């Protein structure tokens, strides 16, 4: 299943995957990335509810941004290699 998901999300993973070694990657970096990703997705749902109640189309721009950031974080946290997690945290 993980291989299928890696093929589906290859455009995201390809951007962060490097041929370098993983650097100073810790397990807590991956856990924190997943937590931040879930929080951003929840924030996007909250923004969607607020945008729906306001009735303005422009209110859905934050929904798109927050969901995109959350999706990238969750995909890298669950499917990304150690090098990808290190790259997103800026650890060398």
N, C-alpha and C. Protein backbone atom coordinates (compact mmCIF):
# COMPACT_ATOMS: atom_id res chain seq x y z
N UNK A 1 0.82 -1.19 0.00
CA UNK A 1 0.00 0.00 0.00
C UNK A 1 0.86 1.26 0.00
N UNK A 2 1.97 1.18 0.75
CA UNK A 2 2.85 2.34 0.82
C UNK A 2 3.46 2.66 -0.54
N UNK A 3 3.77 1.62 -1.32
CA UNK A 3 4.34 1.84 -2.66
C UNK A 3 3.33 2.51 -3.58
N UNK A 4 2.07 2.13 -3.47
CA UNK A 4 1.02 2.75 -4.29
C UNK A 4 0.87 4.22 -3.93
N UNK A 5 0.85 4.52 -2.64
CA UNK A 5 0.73 5.91 -2.21
C UNK A 5 1.96 6.73 -2.60
N UNK A 6 3.14 6.11 -2.57
CA UNK A 6 4.34 6.82 -3.00
C UNK A 6 4.27 7.16 -4.49
N UNK A 7 3.67 6.28 -5.29
CA UNK A 7 3.50 6.57 -6.72
C UNK A 7 2.46 7.67 -6.95
N UNK A 8 1.43 7.70 -6.12
CA UNK A 8 0.39 8.73 -6.27
C UNK A 8 0.95 10.11 -5.91
N UNK A 9 1.73 10.18 -4.85
CA UNK A 9 2.24 11.46 -4.36
C UNK A 9 3.68 11.73 -4.80
N UNK A 10 4.12 11.13 -5.90
CA UNK A 10 5.50 11.32 -6.34
C UNK A 10 5.84 12.77 -6.66
N UNK A 11 4.91 13.62 -7.16
CA UNK A 11 5.33 15.00 -7.42
C UNK A 11 5.75 15.74 -6.14
N UNK A 12 5.07 15.46 -5.05
CA UNK A 12 5.43 16.11 -3.79
C UNK A 12 6.73 15.52 -3.26
N UNK A 13 6.83 14.22 -3.27
CA UNK A 13 8.02 13.56 -2.73
C UNK A 13 9.26 13.87 -3.55
N UNK A 14 9.13 13.96 -4.85
CA UNK A 14 10.27 14.22 -5.73
C UNK A 14 10.92 15.56 -5.42
N UNK A 15 10.10 16.54 -5.04
CA UNK A 15 10.63 17.87 -4.75
C UNK A 15 11.52 17.85 -3.50
N UNK A 16 11.18 17.02 -2.53
CA UNK A 16 11.92 17.01 -1.27
C UNK A 16 12.94 15.89 -1.15
N UNK A 17 12.85 14.87 -1.99
CA UNK A 17 13.81 13.78 -1.93
C UNK A 17 15.14 14.25 -2.51
N UNK A 18 16.22 13.87 -1.84
CA UNK A 18 17.55 14.21 -2.32
C UNK A 18 18.40 12.95 -2.30
N UNK A 19 19.50 12.99 -3.00
CA UNK A 19 20.41 11.86 -3.01
C UNK A 19 21.42 11.96 -1.86
N UNK A 20 21.33 13.02 -1.08
CA UNK A 20 22.26 13.21 0.03
C UNK A 20 21.88 12.28 1.18
N UNK A 21 22.80 12.14 2.12
CA UNK A 21 22.47 11.34 3.30
C UNK A 21 21.46 12.08 4.17
N UNK A 22 20.87 11.37 5.11
CA UNK A 22 19.73 11.91 5.85
C UNK A 22 20.11 13.00 6.83
N UNK A 23 21.35 13.15 7.17
CA UNK A 23 21.74 14.19 8.10
C UNK A 23 21.34 13.83 9.53
N UNK A 24 21.00 14.83 10.30
CA UNK A 24 20.68 14.65 11.71
C UNK A 24 19.17 14.48 11.90
N UNK A 25 18.60 13.46 11.30
CA UNK A 25 17.18 13.22 11.38
C UNK A 25 16.84 12.52 12.69
N UNK A 26 15.79 13.00 13.36
CA UNK A 26 15.31 12.36 14.58
C UNK A 26 13.88 11.88 14.35
N UNK A 27 13.47 10.89 15.12
CA UNK A 27 12.11 10.39 14.99
C UNK A 27 11.10 11.47 15.36
N UNK A 28 11.47 12.34 16.30
CA UNK A 28 10.55 13.40 16.73
C UNK A 28 10.27 14.40 15.60
N UNK A 29 11.20 14.55 14.65
CA UNK A 29 10.97 15.44 13.52
C UNK A 29 9.81 14.93 12.66
N UNK A 30 9.78 13.63 12.45
CA UNK A 30 8.71 13.03 11.65
C UNK A 30 7.37 13.13 12.38
N UNK A 31 7.37 12.90 13.68
CA UNK A 31 6.14 12.99 14.47
C UNK A 31 5.62 14.42 14.49
N UNK A 32 6.52 15.37 14.69
CA UNK A 32 6.12 16.78 14.69
C UNK A 32 5.58 17.20 13.33
N UNK A 33 6.16 16.70 12.27
CA UNK A 33 5.68 17.02 10.92
C UNK A 33 4.26 16.50 10.70
N UNK A 34 3.99 15.29 11.18
CA UNK A 34 2.64 14.75 11.08
C UNK A 34 1.64 15.55 11.91
N UNK A 35 2.02 15.94 13.10
CA UNK A 35 1.12 16.72 13.96
C UNK A 35 0.83 18.09 13.34
N UNK A 36 1.86 18.75 12.85
CA UNK A 36 1.67 20.05 12.20
C UNK A 36 0.79 19.92 10.97
N UNK A 37 0.98 18.85 10.21
CA UNK A 37 0.16 18.62 9.02
C UNK A 37 -1.30 18.43 9.36
N UNK A 38 -1.58 17.64 10.38
CA UNK A 38 -2.97 17.42 10.80
C UNK A 38 -3.59 18.72 11.31
N UNK A 39 -2.82 19.51 12.06
CA UNK A 39 -3.34 20.79 12.55
C UNK A 39 -3.67 21.75 11.40
N UNK A 40 -2.84 21.77 10.37
CA UNK A 40 -3.12 22.63 9.22
C UNK A 40 -4.36 22.14 8.46
N UNK A 41 -4.55 20.83 8.36
CA UNK A 41 -5.74 20.31 7.69
C UNK A 41 -6.99 20.67 8.50
N UNK A 42 -6.93 20.54 9.83
CA UNK A 42 -8.06 20.94 10.67
C UNK A 42 -8.33 22.45 10.55
N UNK A 43 -7.26 23.24 10.45
CA UNK A 43 -7.43 24.67 10.27
C UNK A 43 -8.09 24.98 8.92
N UNK A 44 -7.78 24.19 7.91
CA UNK A 44 -8.43 24.41 6.61
C UNK A 44 -9.92 24.10 6.68
N UNK A 45 -10.29 23.05 7.43
CA UNK A 45 -11.71 22.74 7.59
C UNK A 45 -12.43 23.84 8.35
N UNK A 46 -11.79 24.38 9.39
CA UNK A 46 -12.37 25.51 10.12
C UNK A 46 -12.53 26.73 9.24
N UNK A 47 -11.54 26.97 8.40
CA UNK A 47 -11.62 28.10 7.46
C UNK A 47 -12.71 27.88 6.43
N UNK A 48 -12.93 26.63 6.03
CA UNK A 48 -13.99 26.33 5.07
C UNK A 48 -15.36 26.60 5.68
N UNK A 49 -15.55 26.25 6.94
CA UNK A 49 -16.82 26.53 7.61
C UNK A 49 -17.03 28.04 7.72
N UNK A 50 -15.99 28.76 8.11
CA UNK A 50 -16.10 30.21 8.22
C UNK A 50 -16.36 30.85 6.85
N UNK A 51 -15.71 30.34 5.82
CA UNK A 51 -15.92 30.87 4.48
C UNK A 51 -17.31 30.58 3.96
N UNK A 52 -17.83 29.42 4.30
CA UNK A 52 -19.19 29.07 3.87
C UNK A 52 -20.22 29.96 4.55
N UNK A 53 -20.03 30.22 5.83
CA UNK A 53 -20.99 31.06 6.54
C UNK A 53 -20.91 32.52 6.09
N UNK A 54 -19.73 32.97 5.67
CA UNK A 54 -19.62 34.35 5.20
C UNK A 54 -20.18 34.51 3.80
N UNK A 55 -20.17 33.44 3.02
CA UNK A 55 -20.73 33.49 1.68
C UNK A 55 -19.85 34.16 0.65
N UNK A 56 -18.59 34.38 0.96
CA UNK A 56 -17.69 35.03 0.02
C UNK A 56 -16.74 33.99 -0.58
N UNK A 57 -16.56 34.10 -1.87
CA UNK A 57 -15.70 33.15 -2.58
C UNK A 57 -14.24 33.32 -2.16
N UNK A 58 -13.79 34.54 -1.93
CA UNK A 58 -12.40 34.79 -1.57
C UNK A 58 -12.03 34.21 -0.21
N UNK A 59 -13.01 33.85 0.59
CA UNK A 59 -12.73 33.25 1.89
C UNK A 59 -12.18 31.84 1.76
N UNK A 60 -12.26 31.25 0.58
CA UNK A 60 -11.77 29.89 0.39
C UNK A 60 -10.30 29.84 -0.03
N UNK A 61 -9.67 30.99 -0.22
CA UNK A 61 -8.23 31.01 -0.51
C UNK A 61 -7.43 30.46 0.68
N UNK A 62 -7.72 30.88 1.93
CA UNK A 62 -6.99 30.26 3.05
C UNK A 62 -7.25 28.76 3.17
N UNK A 63 -8.42 28.31 2.78
CA UNK A 63 -8.71 26.88 2.82
C UNK A 63 -7.75 26.14 1.91
N UNK A 64 -7.56 26.64 0.71
CA UNK A 64 -6.66 26.02 -0.25
C UNK A 64 -5.22 26.04 0.26
N UNK A 65 -4.79 27.16 0.81
CA UNK A 65 -3.41 27.28 1.29
C UNK A 65 -3.17 26.36 2.49
N UNK A 66 -4.05 26.41 3.49
CA UNK A 66 -3.86 25.58 4.68
C UNK A 66 -3.94 24.10 4.36
N UNK A 67 -4.87 23.71 3.47
CA UNK A 67 -4.97 22.30 3.11
C UNK A 67 -3.75 21.84 2.35
N UNK A 68 -3.22 22.68 1.47
CA UNK A 68 -2.02 22.31 0.71
C UNK A 68 -0.82 22.10 1.62
N UNK A 69 -0.63 23.02 2.55
CA UNK A 69 0.49 22.91 3.48
C UNK A 69 0.33 21.67 4.35
N UNK A 70 -0.88 21.43 4.83
CA UNK A 70 -1.14 20.26 5.65
C UNK A 70 -0.93 18.96 4.89
N UNK A 71 -1.37 18.92 3.65
CA UNK A 71 -1.22 17.72 2.84
C UNK A 71 0.26 17.42 2.59
N UNK A 72 1.03 18.43 2.26
CA UNK A 72 2.47 18.22 2.03
C UNK A 72 3.14 17.72 3.31
N UNK A 73 2.78 18.29 4.45
CA UNK A 73 3.40 17.88 5.71
C UNK A 73 3.04 16.44 6.05
N UNK A 74 1.79 16.06 5.87
CA UNK A 74 1.37 14.69 6.20
C UNK A 74 1.98 13.69 5.23
N UNK A 75 2.03 14.03 3.96
CA UNK A 75 2.63 13.12 2.97
C UNK A 75 4.11 12.92 3.26
N UNK A 76 4.83 14.00 3.56
CA UNK A 76 6.25 13.84 3.86
C UNK A 76 6.47 13.13 5.19
N UNK A 77 5.61 13.38 6.16
CA UNK A 77 5.75 12.74 7.45
C UNK A 77 5.48 11.25 7.42
N UNK A 78 4.59 10.82 6.54
CA UNK A 78 4.24 9.40 6.50
C UNK A 78 4.98 8.65 5.40
N UNK A 79 5.17 9.24 4.24
CA UNK A 79 5.74 8.53 3.10
C UNK A 79 7.16 8.95 2.75
N UNK A 80 7.60 10.09 3.25
CA UNK A 80 8.90 10.61 2.86
C UNK A 80 10.06 9.87 3.49
N UNK A 81 11.20 9.96 2.84
CA UNK A 81 12.41 9.34 3.37
C UNK A 81 12.97 10.23 4.48
N UNK A 82 14.00 9.72 5.14
CA UNK A 82 14.65 10.50 6.19
C UNK A 82 15.29 11.77 5.62
N UNK A 83 15.79 11.69 4.40
CA UNK A 83 16.39 12.86 3.77
C UNK A 83 15.34 13.93 3.48
N UNK A 84 14.14 13.52 3.09
CA UNK A 84 13.07 14.49 2.83
C UNK A 84 12.63 15.18 4.10
N UNK A 85 12.52 14.43 5.19
CA UNK A 85 12.14 15.03 6.47
C UNK A 85 13.22 15.99 6.94
N UNK A 86 14.48 15.61 6.78
CA UNK A 86 15.57 16.50 7.16
C UNK A 86 15.58 17.76 6.32
N UNK A 87 15.26 17.61 5.03
CA UNK A 87 15.28 18.77 4.15
C UNK A 87 14.17 19.76 4.51
N UNK A 88 12.99 19.28 4.85
CA UNK A 88 11.90 20.20 5.17
C UNK A 88 12.16 20.90 6.50
N UNK A 89 12.85 20.26 7.42
CA UNK A 89 13.20 20.91 8.70
C UNK A 89 14.45 21.75 8.58
N UNK A 90 15.21 21.60 7.51
CA UNK A 90 16.42 22.38 7.32
C UNK A 90 17.61 21.84 8.10
N UNK A 91 17.56 20.57 8.48
CA UNK A 91 18.66 19.96 9.23
C UNK A 91 19.67 19.43 8.23
N UNK A 92 20.93 19.70 8.49
CA UNK A 92 21.99 19.24 7.57
C UNK A 92 22.82 18.18 8.21
